C-alpha cells in the first residue's frame, strides 16, 4: 500500500488494489455512507477502512480478497449511472467504481468520494471510524472535466 496520501481528482484515477479480505461493515441509508472493512490480523497490524460518501447505488458481494477499486469505463459508467437514476445534470460529480473479482461478475459503487484509511490495531480509538489515530492512504473523487 502507498505510504503517501494520494488525492485523485485532477486526473484519471488508476485502479487501487488492497490485498486484504474486506467485508461490507456498515451502510447508513440516512447519510448515504458505506464502510468496507479489513481487520488487522496476525500478518497485519492495521485495520483498513474504505469509506464511501454520498452513495447512490451499490452492488456488493459478501467479501472481497483483494479489494480492487477500479474506475468504470465510459460505457459501464453510463450504465451504472442510469441504474442509479442520477440525473444528467449531477452525473459529473459522481465516481463510478467497479469491484472486479476473478470468479464472479463485478460489483460497483456510485459515490461522491471514497477514502481509504489505516488504523493501528493496538492504538486507541474505534477501528471502524475515522479518528485522530487513522492514517489517510487515498482519497478518490470523480476527475474534473476539461
N, C-alpha and C. Protein backbone atom coordinates (compact mmCIF):
# COMPACT_ATOMS: atom_id res chain seq x y z
N UNK A 1 0.83 -1.19 0.00
CA UNK A 1 0.00 0.00 0.00
C UNK A 1 0.87 1.24 0.00
N UNK A 2 0.30 2.31 -0.46
CA UNK A 2 1.04 3.55 -0.56
C UNK A 2 1.29 4.16 0.80
N UNK A 3 2.42 4.79 0.93
CA UNK A 3 2.74 5.49 2.17
C UNK A 3 2.23 6.92 2.14
N UNK A 4 2.22 7.52 0.96
CA UNK A 4 1.78 8.91 0.84
C UNK A 4 0.29 8.95 0.52
N UNK A 5 -0.34 10.02 0.92
CA UNK A 5 -1.74 10.22 0.60
C UNK A 5 -1.85 10.56 -0.87
N UNK A 6 -2.78 9.95 -1.53
CA UNK A 6 -2.99 10.22 -2.94
C UNK A 6 -4.40 10.74 -3.13
N UNK A 7 -4.51 12.01 -3.38
CA UNK A 7 -5.81 12.60 -3.69
C UNK A 7 -5.91 12.66 -5.19
N UNK A 8 -6.94 12.07 -5.71
CA UNK A 8 -7.05 11.97 -7.15
C UNK A 8 -8.35 12.61 -7.61
N UNK A 9 -8.25 13.82 -8.12
CA UNK A 9 -9.43 14.45 -8.67
C UNK A 9 -9.10 15.33 -9.87
N UNK A 10 -7.83 15.54 -10.14
CA UNK A 10 -7.44 16.36 -11.28
C UNK A 10 -7.05 15.52 -12.49
N UNK A 11 -6.95 14.24 -12.34
CA UNK A 11 -6.51 13.39 -13.45
C UNK A 11 -7.22 12.05 -13.36
N UNK A 12 -6.99 11.22 -14.35
CA UNK A 12 -7.63 9.91 -14.38
C UNK A 12 -7.21 9.10 -13.15
N UNK A 13 -8.14 8.33 -12.65
CA UNK A 13 -7.89 7.50 -11.47
C UNK A 13 -7.36 6.15 -11.93
N UNK A 14 -6.27 5.72 -11.33
CA UNK A 14 -5.73 4.40 -11.60
C UNK A 14 -6.40 3.40 -10.64
N UNK A 15 -6.53 2.14 -11.03
CA UNK A 15 -7.09 1.15 -10.10
C UNK A 15 -6.22 1.03 -8.85
N UNK A 16 -6.88 0.78 -7.74
CA UNK A 16 -6.19 0.57 -6.47
C UNK A 16 -6.50 -0.85 -6.01
N UNK A 17 -5.46 -1.60 -5.68
CA UNK A 17 -5.64 -2.96 -5.18
C UNK A 17 -5.21 -3.00 -3.72
N UNK A 18 -6.13 -3.41 -2.87
CA UNK A 18 -5.87 -3.56 -1.43
C UNK A 18 -5.88 -5.05 -1.13
N UNK A 19 -4.71 -5.61 -0.90
CA UNK A 19 -4.56 -7.06 -0.78
C UNK A 19 -4.89 -7.55 0.62
N UNK A 20 -6.14 -7.41 0.97
CA UNK A 20 -6.67 -7.87 2.26
C UNK A 20 -8.07 -8.40 2.02
N UNK A 21 -8.64 -9.05 3.03
CA UNK A 21 -10.02 -9.53 2.94
C UNK A 21 -10.94 -8.44 3.50
N UNK A 22 -11.78 -7.90 2.65
CA UNK A 22 -12.72 -6.83 3.02
C UNK A 22 -14.14 -7.37 3.03
N UNK A 23 -14.91 -6.83 3.96
CA UNK A 23 -16.33 -7.15 4.02
C UNK A 23 -17.13 -5.87 4.19
N UNK A 24 -18.34 -5.83 3.63
CA UNK A 24 -19.22 -4.70 3.94
C UNK A 24 -19.46 -4.68 5.45
N UNK A 25 -19.25 -3.54 6.07
CA UNK A 25 -19.31 -3.47 7.52
C UNK A 25 -20.49 -2.63 8.02
N UNK A 26 -20.75 -1.54 7.29
CA UNK A 26 -21.83 -0.66 7.73
C UNK A 26 -22.35 0.10 6.52
N UNK A 27 -23.68 0.26 6.47
CA UNK A 27 -24.29 1.08 5.43
C UNK A 27 -25.34 1.94 6.10
N UNK A 28 -25.19 3.23 5.98
CA UNK A 28 -26.16 4.17 6.56
C UNK A 28 -26.96 4.83 5.47
N UNK A 29 -28.22 4.43 5.33
CA UNK A 29 -29.06 4.97 4.28
C UNK A 29 -29.27 6.47 4.49
N UNK A 30 -29.52 6.89 5.74
CA UNK A 30 -29.79 8.29 6.02
C UNK A 30 -28.66 9.22 5.64
N UNK A 31 -27.43 8.78 5.82
CA UNK A 31 -26.27 9.61 5.47
C UNK A 31 -25.61 9.15 4.18
N UNK A 32 -26.17 8.12 3.55
CA UNK A 32 -25.65 7.59 2.29
C UNK A 32 -24.17 7.25 2.39
N UNK A 33 -23.79 6.52 3.44
CA UNK A 33 -22.39 6.14 3.65
C UNK A 33 -22.26 4.62 3.71
N UNK A 34 -21.18 4.13 3.13
CA UNK A 34 -20.86 2.71 3.13
C UNK A 34 -19.45 2.54 3.67
N UNK A 35 -19.25 1.52 4.50
CA UNK A 35 -17.93 1.18 5.02
C UNK A 35 -17.59 -0.25 4.66
N UNK A 36 -16.46 -0.45 3.98
CA UNK A 36 -15.88 -1.77 3.78
C UNK A 36 -14.68 -1.86 4.71
N UNK A 37 -14.55 -2.99 5.43
CA UNK A 37 -13.54 -3.10 6.49
C UNK A 37 -12.70 -4.36 6.33
N UNK A 38 -11.40 -4.22 6.59
CA UNK A 38 -10.48 -5.36 6.67
C UNK A 38 -9.85 -5.33 8.06
N UNK A 39 -10.06 -6.39 8.82
CA UNK A 39 -9.50 -6.48 10.17
C UNK A 39 -7.98 -6.67 10.13
N UNK A 40 -7.34 -6.12 11.13
CA UNK A 40 -5.93 -6.43 11.34
C UNK A 40 -5.87 -7.90 11.76
N UNK A 41 -4.77 -8.53 11.54
CA UNK A 41 -4.64 -9.93 11.92
C UNK A 41 -3.20 -10.27 12.24
N UNK A 42 -2.91 -11.53 12.21
CA UNK A 42 -1.56 -11.97 12.58
C UNK A 42 -0.49 -11.43 11.62
N UNK A 43 -0.86 -11.20 10.36
CA UNK A 43 0.14 -10.71 9.41
C UNK A 43 0.00 -9.21 9.11
N UNK A 44 -1.00 -8.54 9.72
CA UNK A 44 -1.21 -7.11 9.50
C UNK A 44 -1.50 -6.45 10.84
N UNK A 45 -0.82 -5.34 11.11
CA UNK A 45 -1.04 -4.66 12.39
C UNK A 45 -1.98 -3.46 12.27
N UNK A 46 -2.59 -3.28 11.07
CA UNK A 46 -3.53 -2.18 10.88
C UNK A 46 -4.87 -2.68 10.33
N UNK A 47 -5.95 -2.07 10.81
CA UNK A 47 -7.25 -2.24 10.20
C UNK A 47 -7.27 -1.32 8.99
N UNK A 48 -7.94 -1.71 7.92
CA UNK A 48 -8.10 -0.86 6.75
C UNK A 48 -9.60 -0.63 6.55
N UNK A 49 -9.98 0.64 6.42
CA UNK A 49 -11.37 1.02 6.18
C UNK A 49 -11.45 1.78 4.88
N UNK A 50 -12.50 1.48 4.11
CA UNK A 50 -12.80 2.25 2.91
C UNK A 50 -14.18 2.86 3.12
N UNK A 51 -14.23 4.19 3.24
CA UNK A 51 -15.47 4.93 3.44
C UNK A 51 -15.93 5.50 2.11
N UNK A 52 -17.17 5.24 1.78
CA UNK A 52 -17.78 5.79 0.58
C UNK A 52 -18.85 6.77 1.03
N UNK A 53 -18.80 8.00 0.50
CA UNK A 53 -19.74 9.04 0.91
C UNK A 53 -20.67 9.41 -0.23
N UNK A 54 -21.87 9.82 0.14
CA UNK A 54 -22.92 10.20 -0.82
C UNK A 54 -23.14 9.06 -1.81
N UNK A 55 -23.37 7.87 -1.27
CA UNK A 55 -23.55 6.66 -2.07
C UNK A 55 -24.92 6.70 -2.74
N UNK A 56 -24.94 6.47 -4.04
CA UNK A 56 -26.19 6.48 -4.82
C UNK A 56 -26.64 5.10 -5.25
N UNK A 57 -25.70 4.16 -5.40
CA UNK A 57 -26.05 2.79 -5.78
C UNK A 57 -24.88 1.88 -5.47
N UNK A 58 -25.19 0.63 -5.11
CA UNK A 58 -24.16 -0.37 -4.84
C UNK A 58 -24.61 -1.73 -5.34
N UNK A 59 -23.63 -2.53 -5.67
CA UNK A 59 -23.82 -3.96 -5.95
C UNK A 59 -22.60 -4.62 -5.34
N UNK A 60 -22.81 -5.35 -4.24
CA UNK A 60 -21.69 -5.89 -3.47
C UNK A 60 -21.79 -7.39 -3.28
N UNK A 61 -20.62 -7.99 -3.09
CA UNK A 61 -20.52 -9.38 -2.64
C UNK A 61 -20.35 -9.36 -1.12
N UNK A 62 -20.39 -10.52 -0.50
CA UNK A 62 -20.22 -10.58 0.96
C UNK A 62 -18.78 -10.37 1.39
N UNK A 63 -17.82 -10.57 0.48
CA UNK A 63 -16.42 -10.29 0.81
C UNK A 63 -15.61 -10.13 -0.48
N UNK A 64 -14.45 -9.48 -0.31
CA UNK A 64 -13.51 -9.27 -1.41
C UNK A 64 -12.10 -9.53 -0.91
N UNK A 65 -11.34 -10.32 -1.68
CA UNK A 65 -9.93 -10.54 -1.35
C UNK A 65 -9.19 -10.82 -2.65
N UNK A 66 -8.49 -9.86 -3.16
CA UNK A 66 -8.28 -8.49 -2.71
C UNK A 66 -9.47 -7.61 -3.08
N UNK A 67 -9.49 -6.40 -2.53
CA UNK A 67 -10.46 -5.39 -2.92
C UNK A 67 -9.80 -4.53 -3.99
N UNK A 68 -10.41 -4.49 -5.17
CA UNK A 68 -9.89 -3.68 -6.28
C UNK A 68 -10.90 -2.57 -6.54
N UNK A 69 -10.45 -1.34 -6.42
CA UNK A 69 -11.28 -0.17 -6.71
C UNK A 69 -10.86 0.32 -8.09
N UNK A 70 -11.69 0.04 -9.09
CA UNK A 70 -11.33 0.34 -10.46
C UNK A 70 -12.36 1.29 -11.06
N UNK A 71 -11.92 2.40 -11.63
CA UNK A 71 -12.86 3.30 -12.27
C UNK A 71 -13.58 2.61 -13.43
N UNK A 72 -14.88 2.85 -13.53
CA UNK A 72 -15.66 2.25 -14.62
C UNK A 72 -15.27 2.90 -15.94
N UNK A 73 -15.25 2.09 -17.00
CA UNK A 73 -15.01 2.67 -18.32
C UNK A 73 -16.25 3.46 -18.73
N UNK A 74 -16.18 4.17 -19.83
CA UNK A 74 -17.24 5.10 -20.23
C UNK A 74 -18.60 4.40 -20.39
N UNK A 75 -18.64 3.25 -21.04
CA UNK A 75 -19.90 2.54 -21.26
C UNK A 75 -20.48 2.01 -19.95
N UNK A 76 -19.62 1.42 -19.12
CA UNK A 76 -20.06 0.90 -17.83
C UNK A 76 -20.53 2.03 -16.94
N UNK A 77 -19.81 3.13 -16.95
CA UNK A 77 -20.20 4.31 -16.17
C UNK A 77 -21.60 4.77 -16.55
N UNK A 78 -21.86 4.88 -17.84
CA UNK A 78 -23.18 5.32 -18.31
C UNK A 78 -24.27 4.36 -17.84
N UNK A 79 -24.00 3.07 -17.92
CA UNK A 79 -24.96 2.06 -17.48
C UNK A 79 -25.23 2.13 -15.97
N UNK A 80 -24.16 2.28 -15.20
CA UNK A 80 -24.29 2.35 -13.74
C UNK A 80 -25.04 3.61 -13.33
N UNK A 81 -24.73 4.74 -13.94
CA UNK A 81 -25.42 5.99 -13.61
C UNK A 81 -26.89 5.93 -13.98
N UNK A 82 -27.22 5.25 -15.09
CA UNK A 82 -28.62 5.06 -15.46
C UNK A 82 -29.33 4.19 -14.43
N UNK A 83 -28.66 3.10 -14.00
CA UNK A 83 -29.22 2.23 -12.97
C UNK A 83 -29.47 3.01 -11.68
N UNK A 84 -28.54 3.88 -11.31
CA UNK A 84 -28.64 4.66 -10.08
C UNK A 84 -29.62 5.82 -10.21
N UNK A 85 -30.10 6.08 -11.41
CA UNK A 85 -31.04 7.16 -11.69
C UNK A 85 -30.48 8.53 -11.27
N UNK A 86 -29.19 8.72 -11.56
CA UNK A 86 -28.56 10.01 -11.29
C UNK A 86 -28.91 10.93 -12.47
N UNK A 87 -29.54 12.06 -12.21
CA UNK A 87 -29.89 12.98 -13.30
C UNK A 87 -28.64 13.45 -14.05
N UNK A 88 -28.76 13.64 -15.35
CA UNK A 88 -27.60 14.07 -16.15
C UNK A 88 -26.90 15.31 -15.61
N UNK A 89 -27.63 16.24 -15.04
CA UNK A 89 -27.01 17.47 -14.53
C UNK A 89 -26.12 17.22 -13.31
N UNK A 90 -26.22 16.05 -12.67
CA UNK A 90 -25.41 15.74 -11.49
C UNK A 90 -24.37 14.64 -11.73
N UNK A 91 -24.39 14.05 -12.90
CA UNK A 91 -23.53 12.89 -13.15
C UNK A 91 -22.04 13.21 -13.06
N UNK A 92 -21.62 14.40 -13.41
CA UNK A 92 -20.19 14.75 -13.43
C UNK A 92 -19.56 14.71 -12.05
N UNK A 93 -20.33 14.81 -10.99
CA UNK A 93 -19.74 14.84 -9.65
C UNK A 93 -19.65 13.46 -8.99
N UNK A 94 -20.18 12.42 -9.66
CA UNK A 94 -20.16 11.09 -9.05
C UNK A 94 -19.08 10.19 -9.62
N UNK A 95 -18.46 9.47 -8.74
CA UNK A 95 -17.43 8.49 -9.03
C UNK A 95 -18.11 7.14 -9.21
N UNK A 96 -17.79 6.45 -10.28
CA UNK A 96 -18.32 5.10 -10.52
C UNK A 96 -17.15 4.12 -10.47
N UNK A 97 -17.14 3.30 -9.43
CA UNK A 97 -16.08 2.31 -9.25
C UNK A 97 -16.64 0.92 -9.46
N UNK A 98 -15.90 0.11 -10.21
CA UNK A 98 -16.26 -1.30 -10.29
C UNK A 98 -15.37 -2.05 -9.30
N UNK A 99 -15.86 -3.18 -8.84
CA UNK A 99 -15.14 -4.02 -7.88
C UNK A 99 -14.95 -5.39 -8.52
N UNK A 100 -13.97 -5.51 -9.42
CA UNK A 100 -13.79 -6.76 -10.15
C UNK A 100 -13.30 -7.89 -9.24
N UNK A 101 -13.76 -9.09 -9.55
CA UNK A 101 -13.30 -10.30 -8.87
C UNK A 101 -13.03 -11.34 -9.95
N UNK A 102 -12.08 -12.23 -9.72
CA UNK A 102 -11.73 -13.19 -10.77
C UNK A 102 -12.80 -14.24 -11.04
N UNK A 103 -13.65 -14.50 -10.06
CA UNK A 103 -14.59 -15.62 -10.19
C UNK A 103 -16.06 -15.24 -10.26
N UNK A 104 -16.36 -13.95 -10.42
CA UNK A 104 -17.77 -13.54 -10.45
C UNK A 104 -17.91 -12.21 -11.17
N UNK A 105 -19.17 -11.84 -11.45
CA UNK A 105 -19.47 -10.56 -12.06
C UNK A 105 -19.01 -9.43 -11.13
N UNK A 106 -18.52 -8.35 -11.71
CA UNK A 106 -18.05 -7.22 -10.92
C UNK A 106 -19.19 -6.55 -10.17
N UNK A 107 -18.88 -6.08 -8.97
CA UNK A 107 -19.80 -5.23 -8.25
C UNK A 107 -19.51 -3.79 -8.64
N UNK A 108 -20.23 -2.84 -8.03
CA UNK A 108 -19.97 -1.44 -8.30
C UNK A 108 -20.46 -0.58 -7.16
N UNK A 109 -19.94 0.64 -7.13
CA UNK A 109 -20.34 1.67 -6.17
C UNK A 109 -20.38 3.00 -6.90
N UNK A 110 -21.47 3.73 -6.73
CA UNK A 110 -21.59 5.09 -7.23
C UNK A 110 -21.58 6.00 -6.01
N UNK A 111 -20.60 6.89 -5.92
CA UNK A 111 -20.46 7.74 -4.74
C UNK A 111 -19.79 9.06 -5.13
N UNK A 112 -19.83 10.02 -4.21
CA UNK A 112 -19.16 11.28 -4.44
C UNK A 112 -17.68 11.21 -4.09
N UNK A 113 -17.35 10.38 -3.08
CA UNK A 113 -15.95 10.29 -2.64
C UNK A 113 -15.72 8.96 -1.95
N UNK A 114 -14.49 8.44 -2.11
CA UNK A 114 -14.05 7.24 -1.41
C UNK A 114 -12.75 7.58 -0.68
N UNK A 115 -12.67 7.20 0.59
CA UNK A 115 -11.50 7.48 1.42
C UNK A 115 -11.00 6.17 2.01
N UNK A 116 -9.70 5.91 1.86
CA UNK A 116 -9.09 4.69 2.40
C UNK A 116 -8.20 5.09 3.57
N UNK A 117 -8.46 4.46 4.73
CA UNK A 117 -7.75 4.77 5.97
C UNK A 117 -7.16 3.51 6.59
N UNK A 118 -6.04 3.68 7.27
CA UNK A 118 -5.43 2.60 8.05
C UNK A 118 -5.41 3.05 9.51
N UNK A 119 -5.77 2.12 10.40
CA UNK A 119 -5.76 2.41 11.83
C UNK A 119 -5.01 1.30 12.54
N UNK A 120 -4.02 1.66 13.36
CA UNK A 120 -3.24 0.67 14.09
C UNK A 120 -4.15 -0.11 15.03
N UNK A 121 -4.05 -1.43 14.98
CA UNK A 121 -4.93 -2.29 15.79
C UNK A 121 -4.68 -2.13 17.28
N UNK A 122 -3.47 -1.78 17.67
CA UNK A 122 -3.17 -1.67 19.09
C UNK A 122 -3.35 -0.25 19.62
N UNK A 123 -3.69 0.68 18.73
CA UNK A 123 -3.86 2.07 19.14
C UNK A 123 -5.23 2.33 19.75
N UNK A 124 -5.37 3.48 20.39
CA UNK A 124 -6.67 3.84 20.96
C UNK A 124 -7.64 4.22 19.85
N UNK A 125 -8.90 4.25 20.18
CA UNK A 125 -9.92 4.67 19.23
C UNK A 125 -10.64 3.51 18.60
N UNK A 126 -11.69 3.83 17.91
CA UNK A 126 -12.54 2.86 17.24
C UNK A 126 -11.91 2.44 15.92
N UNK A 127 -11.82 1.14 15.70
CA UNK A 127 -11.20 0.62 14.48
C UNK A 127 -12.06 0.83 13.25
N UNK A 128 -13.33 1.19 13.43
CA UNK A 128 -14.26 1.29 12.31
C UNK A 128 -14.63 2.72 11.94
N UNK A 129 -13.97 3.69 12.54
CA UNK A 129 -14.27 5.08 12.21
C UNK A 129 -12.98 5.83 11.93
N UNK A 130 -13.13 6.96 11.32
CA UNK A 130 -12.01 7.85 11.07
C UNK A 130 -11.77 8.61 12.36
N UNK A 131 -10.58 8.47 12.92
CA UNK A 131 -10.26 9.17 14.16
C UNK A 131 -8.86 9.76 14.06
N UNK A 132 -8.44 10.44 15.10
CA UNK A 132 -7.14 11.11 15.07
C UNK A 132 -5.96 10.15 14.97
N UNK A 133 -6.22 8.85 15.16
CA UNK A 133 -5.15 7.85 15.07
C UNK A 133 -5.13 7.16 13.70
N UNK A 134 -6.02 7.55 12.80
CA UNK A 134 -6.08 6.95 11.47
C UNK A 134 -5.05 7.59 10.55
N UNK A 135 -4.58 6.79 9.62
CA UNK A 135 -3.61 7.25 8.62
C UNK A 135 -4.32 7.24 7.26
N UNK A 136 -4.35 8.38 6.61
CA UNK A 136 -5.02 8.52 5.32
C UNK A 136 -4.15 7.92 4.22
N UNK A 137 -4.72 7.00 3.43
CA UNK A 137 -3.98 6.38 2.34
C UNK A 137 -4.38 6.93 0.97
N UNK A 138 -5.68 7.03 0.71
CA UNK A 138 -6.18 7.50 -0.57
C UNK A 138 -7.47 8.30 -0.37
N UNK A 139 -7.67 9.27 -1.25
CA UNK A 139 -8.95 9.96 -1.39
C UNK A 139 -9.26 9.93 -2.87
N UNK A 140 -10.42 9.39 -3.22
CA UNK A 140 -10.81 9.29 -4.63
C UNK A 140 -12.04 10.13 -4.89
N UNK A 141 -11.99 10.94 -5.94
CA UNK A 141 -13.13 11.73 -6.41
C UNK A 141 -13.20 11.63 -7.90
N UNK A 142 -14.36 11.94 -8.44
CA UNK A 142 -14.52 11.94 -9.88
C UNK A 142 -13.59 12.99 -10.48
N UNK A 143 -12.80 12.63 -11.51
CA UNK A 143 -11.92 13.63 -12.14
C UNK A 143 -12.72 14.80 -12.71
N UNK A 144 -12.16 15.97 -12.61
CA UNK A 144 -12.79 17.16 -13.17
C UNK A 144 -12.79 17.08 -14.69
N UNK A 145 -13.87 17.54 -15.25
CA UNK A 145 -13.95 17.57 -16.71
C UNK A 145 -13.17 18.75 -17.25
N UNK A 146 -12.55 18.59 -18.43
CA UNK A 146 -11.78 19.70 -19.01
C UNK A 146 -12.65 20.87 -19.38
